[in-house]
Amino acid sequence: MEFPSAASSPSIYKLVDTYKKAAATAASVTAYAVLARGMARELLPPDLCAAVRWGASLVRGHLEPRPAERRTVVVKRMEGCTINCVKFNSLYDDVSEYLATRIDPQSMRRLCLSGTGARKVMSMDSGDSMTDVFEGVQFTWTSVSGEGHRGPESLELTFDAQHTGMALGRYVPSITAAVEQVRRRDRALKIFMNEGLSWSGISHDHPATFDTLAMDPLTKQAVIADLDRFLKRKEYYRRIGKAWKRGYLLYGPPGTGKSSLVAAVANYLRFNLYDLDLSEVGYNAALQKLLIGMPNRSILVIEDIDCCFSATSREDDKERKTLPRANYGHGDDDSEDRSNTVRCISITLSGLLNFIDGLWSTSGKERVIIFTTNYKDRLDPALLRPGRMDMHIYMGYCGWEAFRTLARNYFVVDDHSLFPEIQELLAEVEVTPAEVSEMLLRNEDADVALLGLVEFLTAKKQGEKDSVKA
């Protein structure tokens, strides 16, 4: 293939000619510039030359971008000290824990490693820096040693001045929130019981979670969403002038998973449980002291609330107070409700309600109150009023989705040849999750256990038919 020559192609000829003219022009301009500089040095006075240079630098300063102004925030390890004590800065600990999760060992020149057992914690050595990115903005942390190089005494945060509002208003608070979330997730939980005027705690290792909880999926998601919203609304509760608390009433037949739901809520929030036995509380003032002694971020649980206060409890308060205390608990032997009611008769419903949403309800923050009952219709309407029990959660009989959760828990299966028959039986038979769990626990072989459940449900269905005929 032959390429056309410049002479035979007018367009190429014009392009070459234009290039030659441009090169000649550029050379002429360069020569004139050199000549002009030389003549300026020879002909112009030094003062005028200096003025020209100053003007040129001023123009360049306006045209060229200025280096960004920087800000530095110092987080000291110690806030101050006195003769007898040293006050440590909790924010320093928060930042240290946060940066330990953000350090890239591959990018660090020196790295400090500490910890016990299998748990190892990384940190910067004195003088080293690392970069953290938040909402697309770079923030630089530097570890600064104290006097005599005794180790890092402060952490310095450096950023562009234009991001000062973000740094102090969102970035630093996000560090505290992230660390608190990790601490809450990792801390060991306890369950406390009231003994006299104080609480006594033991480890709470109940394994229930929302993933393993056998309950209606829509109800489960509604509870999770409500808990998440509650945790995020600190400023909202403060703005509207209400105590930062949330109340839940769990009701339904025995064996439907109310206690398991309480444990799942505690594990989800990472809040300690305070199981209040009202029969052990002598009087309202004692109840007041117990509830005030509960810390923030805790769950108050009162089980079987119907056994303590009947639907006429407030009307009976005045009458009961006139009875000698020696007569309490000696009602008719054939009245279970009566005996259950009077066993904690020294505590009035009004006294309890005053702590739920009265003035005393503001004595703590971020608290959850849970009542459980098998008989919602026996409760005093005052307990059911909105603002006291914010969410009423029905814990019903075992449905199909609840059963599938139990099958996954016990046998790690999502399908089985007996599932269609079980689904049909569950739609016709009222059986609690506790009863289903008992049948599944009887054998580790899924085939044997599920067959036993089918036989149990079939017998229960037949029994219900017989009772209807009778």
Protein backbone atom coordinates (compact mmCIF):
# COMPACT_ATOMS: atom_id res chain seq x y z
CA MET A 1 0.00 0.00 0.00
CA GLU A 2 1.35 3.40 -1.00
CA PHE A 3 0.80 6.46 1.22
CA PRO A 4 0.12 9.75 -0.56
CA SER A 5 2.93 12.25 -0.55
CA ALA A 6 2.64 15.72 0.90
CA ALA A 7 2.73 17.20 -2.60
CA SER A 8 -0.15 15.01 -3.81
CA SER A 9 -2.35 15.69 -0.76
CA PRO A 10 -3.42 19.35 -0.30
CA SER A 11 -4.71 18.76 3.25
CA ILE A 12 -1.43 17.28 4.45
CA TYR A 13 0.49 20.06 2.74
CA LYS A 14 -1.57 22.71 4.55
CA LEU A 15 -1.04 20.93 7.89
CA VAL A 16 2.72 20.84 7.45
CA ASP A 17 2.77 24.51 6.41
CA THR A 18 0.67 25.51 9.46
CA TYR A 19 3.02 23.64 11.78
CA LYS A 20 6.06 25.43 10.32
CA LYS A 21 4.44 28.82 10.83
CA ALA A 22 3.46 27.99 14.42
CA ALA A 23 6.98 26.85 15.25
CA ALA A 24 8.45 30.00 13.74
CA THR A 25 6.01 32.15 15.70
CA ALA A 26 6.81 30.36 18.99
CA ALA A 27 10.52 30.83 18.38
CA SER A 28 10.00 34.50 17.62
CA VAL A 29 7.91 34.99 20.79
CA THR A 30 10.55 33.24 22.91
CA ALA A 31 13.28 35.37 21.36
CA TYR A 32 11.30 38.55 21.93
CA ALA A 33 10.66 37.54 25.57
CA VAL A 34 14.37 36.94 26.19
CA LEU A 35 15.19 40.20 24.48
CA ALA A 36 12.53 42.05 26.51
CA ARG A 37 13.85 40.70 29.80
CA GLY A 38 17.37 41.70 28.85
CA MET A 39 16.31 45.22 27.80
CA ALA A 40 14.25 45.57 31.00
CA ARG A 41 17.26 44.75 33.12
CA GLU A 42 19.39 47.24 31.18
CA LEU A 43 16.95 50.11 30.70
CA LEU A 44 14.45 49.98 33.61
CA PRO A 45 15.43 51.21 37.08
CA PRO A 46 15.82 48.53 39.77
CA ASP A 47 12.87 49.93 41.75
CA LEU A 48 10.60 49.64 38.73
CA CYS A 49 11.80 46.08 38.06
CA ALA A 50 11.02 45.16 41.67
CA ALA A 51 7.55 46.67 41.31
CA VAL A 52 6.95 44.64 38.16
CA ARG A 53 8.05 41.44 39.87
CA TRP A 54 5.78 42.20 42.86
CA GLY A 55 2.86 42.80 40.52
CA ALA A 56 3.55 39.54 38.70
CA SER A 57 3.70 37.60 41.99
CA LEU A 58 0.44 39.23 43.10
CA VAL A 59 -1.27 38.12 39.88
CA ARG A 60 0.11 34.58 40.31
CA GLY A 61 -1.15 34.54 43.92
CA HIS A 62 -4.67 35.30 42.76
CA LEU A 63 -4.56 32.80 39.92
CA GLU A 64 -2.87 29.90 41.71
CA PRO A 65 -4.84 27.98 44.42
CA ARG A 66 -3.76 28.71 47.97
CA PRO A 67 -2.72 25.82 50.21
CA ALA A 68 -5.62 24.74 52.45
CA GLU A 69 -5.59 26.07 56.00
CA ARG A 70 -5.29 23.29 58.55
CA ARG A 71 -6.77 22.80 62.01
CA THR A 72 -5.56 20.56 64.84
CA VAL A 73 -7.59 19.16 67.73
CA VAL A 74 -5.61 17.70 70.63
CA VAL A 75 -7.09 14.84 72.65
CA LYS A 76 -4.99 14.51 75.79
CA ARG A 77 -4.68 11.29 77.72
CA MET A 78 -5.04 13.11 81.02
CA GLU A 79 -7.41 16.02 81.49
CA GLY A 80 -5.57 17.23 84.54
CA CYS A 81 -4.28 16.04 87.84
CA THR A 82 -4.28 17.00 91.48
CA ILE A 83 -2.07 16.00 94.35
CA ASN A 84 -4.10 12.92 95.17
CA CYS A 85 -5.54 11.78 91.87
CA VAL A 86 -5.10 11.73 88.12
CA LYS A 87 -8.12 12.34 85.91
CA PHE A 88 -8.02 10.41 82.67
CA ASN A 89 -9.81 11.57 79.54
CA SER A 90 -12.42 9.01 78.47
CA LEU A 91 -12.42 10.43 74.93
CA TYR A 92 -8.76 9.45 74.61
CA ASP A 93 -9.71 5.83 75.36
CA ASP A 94 -12.59 6.00 72.87
CA VAL A 95 -10.34 7.30 70.09
CA SER A 96 -7.64 4.72 70.89
CA GLU A 97 -10.14 1.86 70.67
CA TYR A 98 -11.58 3.24 67.44
CA LEU A 99 -8.20 3.73 65.73
CA ALA A 100 -7.20 0.19 66.71
CA THR A 101 -9.95 -1.04 64.37
CA ARG A 102 -8.88 1.29 61.53
CA ILE A 103 -5.13 0.73 61.47
CA ASP A 104 -3.71 -0.89 58.35
CA PRO A 105 -0.59 -2.82 59.45
CA GLN A 106 0.75 -2.76 55.89
CA SER A 107 0.92 1.05 55.85
CA MET A 108 2.47 1.61 59.27
CA ARG A 109 6.21 2.15 59.68
CA ARG A 110 6.05 1.15 63.35
CA LEU A 111 3.22 -0.62 65.14
CA CYS A 112 2.48 -1.18 68.83
CA LEU A 113 0.85 -4.47 69.80
CA SER A 114 -0.68 -5.21 73.19
CA GLY A 115 -3.32 -7.45 74.75
CA THR A 116 -3.85 -10.61 76.71
CA GLY A 117 -4.51 -14.12 75.47
CA ALA A 118 -5.86 -14.33 71.95
CA ARG A 119 -7.07 -10.72 71.96
CA LYS A 120 -4.49 -8.38 70.41
CA VAL A 121 -4.84 -4.60 70.12
CA MET A 122 -2.90 -2.50 67.61
CA SER A 123 -1.94 1.13 68.12
CA MET A 124 0.39 3.77 66.70
CA ASP A 125 3.82 4.32 68.13
CA SER A 126 4.79 7.81 69.31
CA GLY A 127 5.32 10.14 66.37
CA ASP A 128 3.44 8.01 63.83
CA SER A 129 0.36 9.09 61.91
CA MET A 130 -2.53 7.44 60.13
CA THR A 131 -5.37 8.67 57.92
CA ASP A 132 -9.06 7.96 58.44
CA VAL A 133 -11.76 8.79 55.86
CA PHE A 134 -15.19 9.97 57.00
CA GLU A 135 -17.90 11.01 54.53
CA GLY A 136 -15.24 11.37 51.84
CA VAL A 137 -13.02 13.68 53.93
CA GLN A 138 -9.53 12.74 55.14
CA PHE A 139 -8.69 13.14 58.82
CA THR A 140 -5.14 12.56 60.06
CA TRP A 141 -4.37 11.22 63.54
CA THR A 142 -0.90 11.58 65.07
CA SER A 143 0.36 9.96 68.25
CA VAL A 144 2.35 12.48 70.30
CA SER A 145 4.57 11.45 73.20
CA GLY A 146 4.74 13.26 76.50
CA GLU A 147 7.70 14.64 78.39
CA GLY A 148 10.65 12.32 78.52
CA HIS A 149 9.09 10.13 75.80
CA ARG A 150 7.15 8.12 78.37
CA GLY A 151 4.69 7.00 75.74
CA PRO A 152 1.84 8.65 73.85
CA GLU A 153 0.19 11.32 75.99
CA SER A 154 -2.09 12.79 73.34
CA LEU A 155 -3.64 12.07 69.98
CA GLU A 156 -3.80 14.97 67.53
CA LEU A 157 -6.50 15.22 64.87
CA THR A 158 -5.57 17.34 61.83
CA PHE A 159 -7.89 18.34 58.98
CA ASP A 160 -8.65 21.14 56.53
CA ALA A 161 -10.15 24.17 58.27
CA GLN A 162 -13.21 24.11 56.03
CA HIS A 163 -14.21 20.78 57.62
CA THR A 164 -14.13 22.01 61.23
CA GLY A 165 -17.89 21.76 61.60
CA MET A 166 -17.92 18.19 60.31
CA ALA A 167 -14.99 17.17 62.50
CA LEU A 168 -16.48 18.42 65.77
CA GLY A 169 -20.15 17.98 64.95
CA ARG A 170 -20.21 14.56 63.26
CA TYR A 171 -16.84 12.84 63.02
CA VAL A 172 -15.76 12.86 66.68
CA PRO A 173 -19.30 11.98 67.93
CA SER A 174 -19.41 9.10 65.44
CA ILE A 175 -16.23 7.70 67.01
CA THR A 176 -17.79 7.71 70.49
CA ALA A 177 -20.98 6.12 69.15
CA ALA A 178 -19.08 3.39 67.29
CA VAL A 179 -16.97 2.50 70.33
CA GLU A 180 -20.00 2.42 72.59
CA GLN A 181 -21.76 0.09 70.19
CA VAL A 182 -18.80 -2.31 70.19
CA ARG A 183 -18.54 -2.22 73.98
CA ARG A 184 -22.23 -2.90 74.33
CA ARG A 185 -22.02 -5.80 71.91
CA ASP A 186 -19.04 -7.40 73.64
CA ARG A 187 -19.94 -6.88 77.28
CA ALA A 188 -21.17 -9.80 79.39
CA LEU A 189 -24.81 -9.46 80.36
CA LYS A 190 -26.29 -9.97 83.81
CA ILE A 191 -29.74 -10.55 85.21
CA PHE A 192 -30.52 -8.93 88.55
CA MET A 193 -33.13 -9.96 91.10
CA ASN A 194 -34.40 -7.84 93.97
CA GLU A 195 -33.45 -8.88 97.49
CA GLY A 196 -34.81 -6.50 100.09
CA LEU A 197 -33.87 -2.98 99.01
CA SER A 198 -31.04 -3.97 96.66
CA TRP A 199 -30.33 -5.92 93.48
CA SER A 200 -28.33 -9.14 93.27
CA GLY A 201 -26.95 -10.13 89.86
CA ILE A 202 -25.75 -13.26 88.12
CA SER A 203 -24.48 -13.90 84.60
CA HIS A 204 -27.14 -13.94 81.90
CA ASP A 205 -26.19 -16.43 79.20
CA HIS A 206 -29.57 -17.06 77.59
CA PRO A 207 -28.82 -17.80 73.91
CA ALA A 208 -32.14 -16.53 72.48
CA THR A 209 -31.84 -14.10 69.58
CA PHE A 210 -34.32 -12.76 67.07
CA ASP A 211 -32.86 -15.18 64.52
CA THR A 212 -33.69 -18.20 66.68
CA LEU A 213 -36.97 -16.89 68.12
CA ALA A 214 -40.05 -18.84 66.99
CA MET A 215 -42.68 -16.17 66.48
CA ASP A 216 -44.63 -14.48 63.72
CA PRO A 217 -42.09 -12.93 61.29
CA LEU A 218 -44.03 -9.69 60.80
CA THR A 219 -44.39 -9.20 64.55
CA LYS A 220 -40.71 -9.95 65.01
CA GLN A 221 -39.67 -7.36 62.43
CA ALA A 222 -42.00 -4.80 63.99
CA VAL A 223 -40.34 -5.30 67.40
CA ILE A 224 -36.83 -4.99 65.94
CA ALA A 225 -37.77 -1.81 64.05
CA ASP A 226 -39.29 -0.33 67.22
CA LEU A 227 -36.16 -1.09 69.25
CA ASP A 228 -33.91 0.45 66.58
CA ARG A 229 -36.03 3.57 66.47
CA PHE A 230 -35.99 3.83 70.26
CA LEU A 231 -32.17 3.72 70.40
CA LYS A 232 -31.81 6.51 67.85
CA ARG A 233 -34.27 8.96 69.41
CA LYS A 234 -32.33 10.41 72.33
CA GLU A 235 -32.55 13.97 71.06
CA TYR A 236 -36.17 13.48 70.06
CA TYR A 237 -37.21 12.46 73.58
CA ARG A 238 -35.25 15.37 75.02
CA ARG A 239 -36.84 17.84 72.62
CA ILE A 240 -40.43 16.75 73.34
CA GLY A 241 -39.79 16.62 77.09
CA LYS A 242 -40.45 12.90 77.65
CA ALA A 243 -38.46 10.30 79.54
CA TRP A 244 -36.25 8.20 77.25
CA LYS A 245 -37.97 4.87 77.87
CA ARG A 246 -40.10 2.32 76.04
CA GLY A 247 -42.77 -0.01 77.40
CA TYR A 248 -43.79 -3.41 76.01
CA LEU A 249 -46.62 -5.72 77.05
CA LEU A 250 -46.15 -9.37 76.07
CA TYR A 251 -49.36 -11.35 76.30
CA GLY A 252 -50.59 -14.73 75.16
CA PRO A 253 -51.05 -18.32 76.35
CA PRO A 254 -48.36 -19.98 78.49
CA GLY A 255 -45.49 -21.50 76.51
CA THR A 256 -45.65 -19.09 73.58
CA GLY A 257 -42.15 -17.66 74.07
CA LYS A 258 -42.62 -14.53 76.17
CA SER A 259 -39.54 -15.19 78.32
CA SER A 260 -37.50 -16.04 75.23
CA LEU A 261 -38.52 -12.74 73.64
CA VAL A 262 -37.35 -10.89 76.78
CA ALA A 263 -33.97 -12.63 76.50
CA ALA A 264 -33.76 -11.86 72.78
CA VAL A 265 -34.45 -8.16 73.44
CA ALA A 266 -31.68 -8.10 76.09
CA ASN A 267 -29.21 -9.77 73.74
CA TYR A 268 -30.16 -7.42 70.90
CA LEU A 269 -29.84 -4.22 72.93
CA ARG A 270 -27.02 -5.56 75.14
CA PHE A 271 -28.91 -4.24 78.18
CA ASN A 272 -28.83 -5.94 81.58
CA LEU A 273 -32.10 -7.40 82.88
CA TYR A 274 -33.72 -6.42 86.18
CA ASP A 275 -36.36 -9.03 87.06
CA LEU A 276 -38.60 -7.38 89.64
CA ASP A 277 -40.54 -9.67 91.98
CA LEU A 278 -43.20 -7.42 93.47
CA SER A 279 -44.05 -9.98 96.14
CA GLU A 280 -40.61 -9.31 97.67
CA VAL A 281 -41.19 -5.56 97.87
CA GLY A 282 -42.73 -4.44 101.15
CA TYR A 283 -44.01 -0.98 100.29
CA ASN A 284 -43.99 1.76 97.68
CA ALA A 285 -40.95 3.51 99.14
CA ALA A 286 -38.95 0.30 98.76
CA LEU A 287 -40.09 0.03 95.15
CA GLN A 288 -38.95 3.60 94.62
CA LYS A 289 -35.48 2.84 95.95
CA LEU A 290 -35.14 -0.28 93.80
CA LEU A 291 -36.12 1.45 90.58
CA ILE A 292 -33.92 4.46 91.25
CA GLY A 293 -31.04 2.03 91.79
CA MET A 294 -31.35 0.72 88.23
CA PRO A 295 -28.68 2.16 85.92
CA ASN A 296 -29.29 3.56 82.46
CA ARG A 297 -29.53 1.15 79.53
CA SER A 298 -31.34 -1.53 81.43
CA ILE A 299 -34.53 -3.58 81.08
CA LEU A 300 -37.08 -3.80 83.88
CA VAL A 301 -39.12 -7.00 83.68
CA ILE A 302 -42.29 -7.70 85.68
CA GLU A 303 -43.62 -11.14 84.80
CA ASP A 304 -47.23 -12.24 85.27
CA ILE A 305 -48.35 -8.72 86.10
CA ASP A 306 -51.95 -9.96 86.20
CA CYS A 307 -51.11 -11.94 89.33
CA CYS A 308 -50.17 -8.77 91.17
CA PHE A 309 -52.83 -6.29 90.11
CA SER A 310 -56.32 -7.29 89.02
CA ALA A 311 -58.69 -5.18 86.95
CA THR A 312 -60.14 -3.74 90.17
CA SER A 313 -56.85 -3.21 91.98
CA ARG A 314 -57.00 0.58 92.08
CA GLU A 315 -60.55 0.53 93.44
CA ASP A 316 -59.49 -2.01 96.05
CA ASP A 317 -56.41 -0.07 97.21
CA LYS A 318 -58.26 1.93 99.86
CA GLU A 319 -60.12 -1.14 101.14
CA ARG A 320 -56.94 -3.22 101.32
CA LYS A 321 -55.07 -0.56 103.26
CA THR A 322 -57.69 -0.87 106.05
CA LEU A 323 -56.98 -4.58 106.47
CA PRO A 324 -54.39 -5.69 109.04
CA ARG A 325 -51.22 -6.96 107.33
CA ALA A 326 -51.52 -10.18 109.34
CA ASN A 327 -54.59 -11.06 107.29
CA TYR A 328 -52.81 -10.66 103.92
CA GLY A 329 -52.53 -13.91 102.04
CA HIS A 330 -55.18 -15.73 104.02
CA GLY A 331 -58.05 -15.49 101.58
CA ASP A 332 -60.22 -18.30 100.30
CA ASP A 333 -58.16 -21.36 99.42
CA ASP A 334 -60.28 -22.01 96.32
CA SER A 335 -59.56 -18.57 94.82
CA GLU A 336 -56.22 -18.66 93.00
CA ASP A 337 -56.69 -15.16 91.59
CA ARG A 338 -57.41 -13.82 95.06
CA SER A 339 -54.28 -15.33 96.60
CA ASN A 340 -52.14 -14.21 93.66
CA THR A 341 -53.48 -10.70 93.99
CA VAL A 342 -52.91 -10.27 97.69
CA ARG A 343 -49.40 -11.71 97.76
CA CYS A 344 -48.00 -8.32 96.71
CA ILE A 345 -50.85 -6.28 98.14
CA SER A 346 -48.54 -3.91 100.00
CA ILE A 347 -47.54 -2.37 96.65
CA THR A 348 -50.25 -0.23 95.07
CA LEU A 349 -50.87 0.00 91.36
CA SER A 350 -50.72 3.77 91.64
CA GLY A 351 -47.25 3.49 93.15
CA LEU A 352 -46.07 1.35 90.25
CA LEU A 353 -47.63 3.60 87.62
CA ASN A 354 -45.90 6.60 89.14
CA PHE A 355 -42.58 5.03 88.22
CA ILE A 356 -43.68 4.07 84.73
CA ASP A 357 -44.74 7.49 83.50
CA GLY A 358 -44.91 9.82 86.51
CA LEU A 359 -42.27 12.19 87.82
CA TRP A 360 -40.04 9.32 88.92
CA SER A 361 -39.90 7.94 85.39
CA THR A 362 -37.26 10.55 84.54
CA SER A 363 -34.81 9.15 87.10
CA GLY A 364 -33.08 7.10 84.38
CA LYS A 365 -32.39 7.16 80.65
CA GLU A 366 -32.60 4.63 77.83
CA ARG A 367 -34.70 2.17 79.78
CA VAL A 368 -37.04 -0.54 78.57
CA ILE A 369 -39.97 -1.79 80.66
CA ILE A 370 -41.52 -5.18 79.84
CA PHE A 371 -44.66 -6.63 81.40
CA THR A 372 -45.77 -10.19 80.68
CA THR A 373 -49.17 -11.73 81.22
CA ASN A 374 -51.14 -14.79 80.19
CA TYR A 375 -54.42 -12.95 80.65
CA LYS A 376 -54.51 -9.47 79.17
CA ASP A 377 -58.21 -9.09 79.95
CA ARG A 378 -57.46 -9.23 83.68
CA LEU A 379 -55.23 -6.17 83.64
CA ASP A 380 -56.32 -2.81 84.95
CA PRO A 381 -57.01 -0.46 82.01
CA ALA A 382 -54.56 2.02 83.55
CA LEU A 383 -51.70 -0.36 82.69
CA LEU A 384 -52.78 -0.52 79.06
CA ARG A 385 -53.00 3.21 78.50
CA PRO A 386 -50.79 4.52 75.65
CA GLY A 387 -47.52 5.92 76.95
CA ARG A 388 -47.20 3.24 79.61
CA MET A 389 -47.11 0.12 77.49
CA ASP A 390 -46.20 1.58 74.09
CA MET A 391 -46.39 -1.69 72.18
CA HIS A 392 -48.65 -4.66 72.86
CA ILE A 393 -47.12 -7.84 71.45
CA TYR A 394 -49.26 -10.94 71.10
CA MET A 395 -47.33 -14.17 71.51
CA GLY A 396 -49.59 -16.70 69.85
CA TYR A 397 -49.61 -20.38 69.01
CA CYS A 398 -47.01 -21.91 66.76
CA GLY A 399 -47.57 -21.06 63.12
CA TRP A 400 -45.84 -22.35 60.03
CA GLU A 401 -43.02 -19.77 59.95
CA ALA A 402 -42.36 -20.21 63.66
CA PHE A 403 -42.09 -23.96 63.14
CA ARG A 404 -39.61 -23.48 60.28
CA THR A 405 -37.44 -21.41 62.64
CA LEU A 406 -37.51 -24.22 65.20
CA ALA A 407 -36.65 -26.81 62.52
CA ARG A 408 -33.62 -24.74 61.50
CA ASN A 409 -32.59 -24.33 65.13
CA TYR A 410 -32.74 -28.04 65.96
CA PHE A 411 -31.82 -29.79 62.72
CA VAL A 412 -30.43 -27.08 60.37
CA VAL A 413 -32.97 -28.01 57.70
CA ASP A 414 -35.16 -25.77 55.56
CA ASP A 415 -37.18 -28.52 53.91
CA HIS A 416 -38.37 -32.06 54.59
CA SER A 417 -40.85 -34.50 53.12
CA LEU A 418 -43.03 -34.17 56.25
CA PHE A 419 -43.19 -30.37 56.08
CA PRO A 420 -46.42 -30.18 53.98
CA GLU A 421 -48.27 -32.44 56.42
CA ILE A 422 -46.96 -30.47 59.42
CA GLN A 423 -47.98 -27.19 57.80
CA GLU A 424 -51.52 -28.49 57.30
CA LEU A 425 -51.77 -29.73 60.89
CA LEU A 426 -50.46 -26.47 62.37
CA ALA A 427 -53.22 -24.61 60.55
CA GLU A 428 -55.82 -26.76 62.34
CA VAL A 429 -54.30 -27.34 65.78
CA GLU A 430 -53.51 -24.88 68.55
CA VAL A 431 -50.06 -25.83 69.79
CA THR A 432 -47.49 -23.65 71.52
CA PRO A 433 -43.86 -23.26 70.41
CA ALA A 434 -42.88 -24.84 73.74
CA GLU A 435 -44.84 -28.00 72.89
CA VAL A 436 -43.30 -28.20 69.43
CA SER A 437 -39.82 -27.69 70.89
CA GLU A 438 -40.41 -30.49 73.37
CA MET A 439 -41.28 -32.90 70.56
CA LEU A 440 -38.25 -31.87 68.48
CA LEU A 441 -35.94 -32.35 71.46
CA ARG A 442 -36.88 -35.99 71.86
CA ASN A 443 -34.59 -37.21 69.10
CA GLU A 444 -31.55 -35.83 67.32
CA ASP A 445 -32.57 -37.58 64.10
CA ALA A 446 -34.71 -35.15 62.11
CA ASP A 447 -36.77 -37.93 60.49
CA VAL A 448 -37.68 -39.52 63.82
CA ALA A 449 -38.35 -36.21 65.59
CA LEU A 450 -40.55 -34.81 62.81
CA LEU A 451 -42.52 -38.05 62.57
CA GLY A 452 -43.11 -37.86 66.32
CA LEU A 453 -44.35 -34.29 65.91
CA VAL A 454 -46.78 -35.37 63.18
CA GLU A 455 -48.17 -38.07 65.48
CA PHE A 456 -48.46 -35.59 68.35
CA LEU A 457 -50.28 -33.00 66.22
CA THR A 458 -52.59 -35.67 64.77
CA ALA A 459 -53.51 -36.90 68.25
CA LYS A 460 -54.07 -33.34 69.43
CA LYS A 461 -56.31 -32.67 66.44
CA GLN A 462 -58.34 -35.80 67.18
CA GLY A 463 -58.59 -34.82 70.83
CA GLU A 464 -59.97 -31.41 69.94
CA LYS A 465 -62.57 -33.03 67.68
CA ASP A 466 -63.63 -35.41 70.45
CA SER A 467 -63.97 -32.58 72.92
CA VAL A 468 -66.18 -30.65 70.48
CA LYS A 469 -68.46 -33.70 70.00
CA ALA A 470 -68.69 -34.19 73.75
